[in-house]
Amino acid sequence: MYQTLVLRSEDRLVKVRPGSLYHTVDRLARHGLVRATGTEREGNRPERTTYAITDEGTLALGERIAEIIATPVNEYPEFPLGLGESHNLPAETVVALLRKRVGLIRADIAVYDEAIRTMRAKELPAKYWVDVRYQRAMAEADAATLEALIHDLDSGALSWDEEKTH
């Protein structure tokens, strides 16, 4: 399961760790949301169990997806905190760090673009990769916003040398 999730790049959406993944599957099985459908072994590899989602699992999945889509939640990402406290660093350092971050975001955008090209070439229906389109758009907005901030710092439109006011 872990290798399949990583192969499908699902680890870009959720933290995937082999140990916690198997605990999660066990918990889902205990709650009747999935059930084992068989086991098999290939060569010297460990036995592999195949699972199927139950009717209760399908219902719970639909309810959780609806909740996630409909309800905005503040997920407390670290970056806004760092940005909000960046005034504690020299402007030149902030600009250099922002440029590095924008470069990494632009690299992610290139990965999203390649993934989109691949999925289109495979004629995979778009409904299966709307998350990639969303992530690409958010990354583009992030990069553009940070590039505007860099411009404002470079041009002096945003002064970094103001005295602190109480």
Protein backbone atom coordinates (compact mmCIF):
# COMPACT_ATOMS: atom_id res chain seq x y z
CA MET A 1 0.00 0.00 0.00
CA TYR A 2 2.76 2.38 0.96
CA GLN A 3 4.64 1.88 -2.32
CA THR A 4 1.42 2.32 -4.31
CA LEU A 5 0.61 5.58 -2.52
CA VAL A 6 4.10 6.93 -3.14
CA LEU A 7 4.02 5.75 -6.78
CA ARG A 8 0.75 7.68 -7.23
CA SER A 9 2.30 10.74 -5.52
CA GLU A 10 -0.38 10.64 -2.83
CA ASP A 11 2.35 11.54 -0.34
CA ARG A 12 2.05 15.11 -1.68
CA LEU A 13 -1.43 15.29 -0.10
CA VAL A 14 -0.98 13.41 3.16
CA LYS A 15 1.90 12.29 5.32
CA VAL A 16 2.36 8.62 4.58
CA ARG A 17 4.45 6.42 6.86
CA PRO A 18 4.44 2.63 6.50
CA GLY A 19 3.88 1.97 10.21
CA SER A 20 1.03 4.43 10.66
CA LEU A 21 -0.54 3.27 7.40
CA TYR A 22 -0.91 -0.29 8.65
CA HIS A 23 -2.27 0.91 12.01
CA THR A 24 -4.84 2.97 10.11
CA VAL A 25 -5.93 -0.02 8.01
CA ASP A 26 -6.28 -2.11 11.20
CA ARG A 27 -8.39 0.64 12.78
CA LEU A 28 -10.59 0.87 9.68
CA ALA A 29 -11.08 -2.90 9.77
CA ARG A 30 -11.96 -2.85 13.50
CA HIS A 31 -14.62 -0.21 12.78
CA GLY A 32 -16.04 -2.22 9.89
CA LEU A 33 -15.06 0.34 7.23
CA VAL A 34 -12.84 -2.10 5.29
CA ARG A 35 -12.59 -5.90 5.27
CA ALA A 36 -9.86 -8.31 4.28
CA THR A 37 -10.70 -10.10 1.04
CA GLY A 38 -7.67 -12.35 0.73
CA THR A 39 -3.96 -12.89 1.25
CA GLU A 40 -1.14 -13.85 -1.09
CA ARG A 41 2.61 -14.23 -1.04
CA GLU A 42 5.17 -13.56 -3.79
CA GLY A 43 8.44 -15.42 -3.36
CA ASN A 44 10.22 -14.55 -0.12
CA ARG A 45 8.21 -11.37 0.36
CA PRO A 46 5.92 -11.03 3.38
CA GLU A 47 2.31 -12.12 3.03
CA ARG A 48 0.12 -9.39 1.52
CA THR A 49 -3.50 -8.83 2.55
CA THR A 50 -5.99 -7.33 0.12
CA TYR A 51 -8.77 -5.14 1.52
CA ALA A 52 -12.08 -3.87 0.15
CA ILE A 53 -14.12 -0.95 1.39
CA THR A 54 -17.43 -1.91 3.02
CA ASP A 55 -20.79 -0.18 2.50
CA GLU A 56 -20.28 1.53 5.87
CA GLY A 57 -16.81 2.59 4.75
CA THR A 58 -18.18 4.03 1.50
CA LEU A 59 -20.76 6.03 3.47
CA ALA A 60 -18.17 7.28 5.97
CA LEU A 61 -15.80 8.20 3.14
CA GLY A 62 -18.50 10.22 1.36
CA GLU A 63 -19.41 12.05 4.57
CA ARG A 64 -15.78 12.91 5.31
CA ILE A 65 -15.08 14.10 1.76
CA ALA A 66 -18.20 16.31 1.85
CA GLU A 67 -17.08 17.81 5.16
CA ILE A 68 -13.56 18.51 3.87
CA ILE A 69 -14.81 20.13 0.66
CA ALA A 70 -17.55 22.26 2.26
CA THR A 71 -15.84 23.49 5.43
CA PRO A 72 -12.73 25.70 5.41
CA VAL A 73 -10.38 24.81 8.25
CA ASN A 74 -7.36 26.76 9.41
CA GLU A 75 -4.63 24.14 9.20
CA TYR A 76 -2.02 26.38 10.85
CA PRO A 77 0.76 26.15 8.27
CA GLU A 78 4.16 27.35 9.48
CA PHE A 79 4.97 29.65 6.59
CA PRO A 80 2.57 32.50 7.51
CA LEU A 81 4.10 32.50 11.00
CA GLY A 82 7.60 32.76 9.55
CA LEU A 83 6.51 35.46 7.13
CA GLY A 84 4.81 37.40 9.93
CA GLU A 85 8.02 37.33 11.95
CA SER A 86 10.38 37.94 9.03
CA HIS A 87 10.81 41.56 10.14
CA ASN A 88 13.29 40.14 12.68
CA LEU A 89 15.70 39.34 9.85
CA PRO A 90 17.58 41.73 7.56
CA ALA A 91 15.69 42.57 4.38
CA GLU A 92 18.45 41.08 2.21
CA THR A 93 18.14 37.77 4.04
CA VAL A 94 14.36 37.78 3.67
CA VAL A 95 14.63 38.47 -0.06
CA ALA A 96 17.19 35.68 -0.51
CA LEU A 97 15.02 33.23 1.42
CA LEU A 98 11.90 34.23 -0.50
CA ARG A 99 13.73 33.80 -3.81
CA LYS A 100 14.81 30.32 -2.73
CA ARG A 101 11.23 29.47 -1.73
CA VAL A 102 9.83 30.80 -5.02
CA GLY A 103 12.37 28.69 -6.92
CA LEU A 104 11.20 25.58 -5.08
CA ILE A 105 7.54 26.47 -5.67
CA ARG A 106 8.24 27.02 -9.38
CA ALA A 107 9.91 23.58 -9.47
CA ASP A 108 6.75 22.11 -7.89
CA ILE A 109 4.67 23.86 -10.55
CA ALA A 110 6.79 22.19 -13.23
CA VAL A 111 6.11 18.82 -11.57
CA TYR A 112 2.35 19.57 -11.55
CA ASP A 113 2.50 20.60 -15.21
CA GLU A 114 4.26 17.35 -16.13
CA ALA A 115 1.73 15.34 -14.12
CA ILE A 116 -1.13 17.11 -15.92
CA ARG A 117 0.47 16.42 -19.32
CA THR A 118 0.91 12.76 -18.37
CA MET A 119 -2.67 12.38 -17.15
CA ARG A 120 -4.02 14.06 -20.28
CA ALA A 121 -1.85 11.83 -22.48
CA LYS A 122 -3.24 8.77 -20.67
CA GLU A 123 -6.72 10.23 -21.17
CA LEU A 124 -7.37 9.88 -17.46
CA PRO A 125 -10.68 11.65 -16.74
CA ALA A 126 -10.09 15.07 -15.17
CA LYS A 127 -12.33 14.23 -12.21
CA TYR A 128 -9.52 11.99 -10.92
CA TRP A 129 -6.96 14.77 -10.82
CA VAL A 130 -8.82 17.95 -9.87
CA ASP A 131 -6.60 18.02 -6.77
CA VAL A 132 -3.53 18.42 -8.98
CA ARG A 133 -5.14 21.35 -10.81
CA TYR A 134 -6.00 22.92 -7.45
CA GLN A 135 -2.52 22.43 -6.03
CA ARG A 136 -0.97 23.89 -9.17
CA ALA A 137 -3.21 26.97 -8.96
CA MET A 138 -2.41 27.47 -5.28
CA ALA A 139 1.32 27.12 -5.96
CA GLU A 140 1.05 29.65 -8.79
CA ALA A 141 -0.77 32.10 -6.50
CA ASP A 142 1.88 31.54 -3.79
CA ALA A 143 4.73 32.19 -6.21
CA ALA A 144 3.09 35.29 -7.68
CA THR A 145 2.35 36.73 -4.23
CA LEU A 146 5.90 36.15 -3.04
CA GLU A 147 7.37 37.55 -6.25
CA ALA A 148 5.32 40.72 -5.67
CA LEU A 149 6.64 40.89 -2.09
CA ILE A 150 10.22 40.47 -3.36
CA HIS A 151 9.60 43.25 -5.87
CA ASP A 152 8.23 45.53 -3.14
CA LEU A 153 11.27 44.86 -0.96
CA ASP A 154 13.73 45.33 -3.82
CA SER A 155 12.10 48.55 -5.04
CA GLY A 156 11.73 50.06 -1.59
CA ALA A 157 7.93 50.17 -1.87
CA LEU A 158 8.01 48.15 1.36
CA SER A 159 10.46 49.70 3.80
CA TRP A 160 12.25 47.29 6.09
CA ASP A 161 14.22 49.88 8.05
CA GLU A 162 11.34 51.60 9.84
CA GLU A 163 11.70 52.12 13.56
CA LYS A 164 9.49 50.02 15.77
CA THR A 165 6.41 51.83 17.01
CA HIS A 166 4.70 51.08 20.28
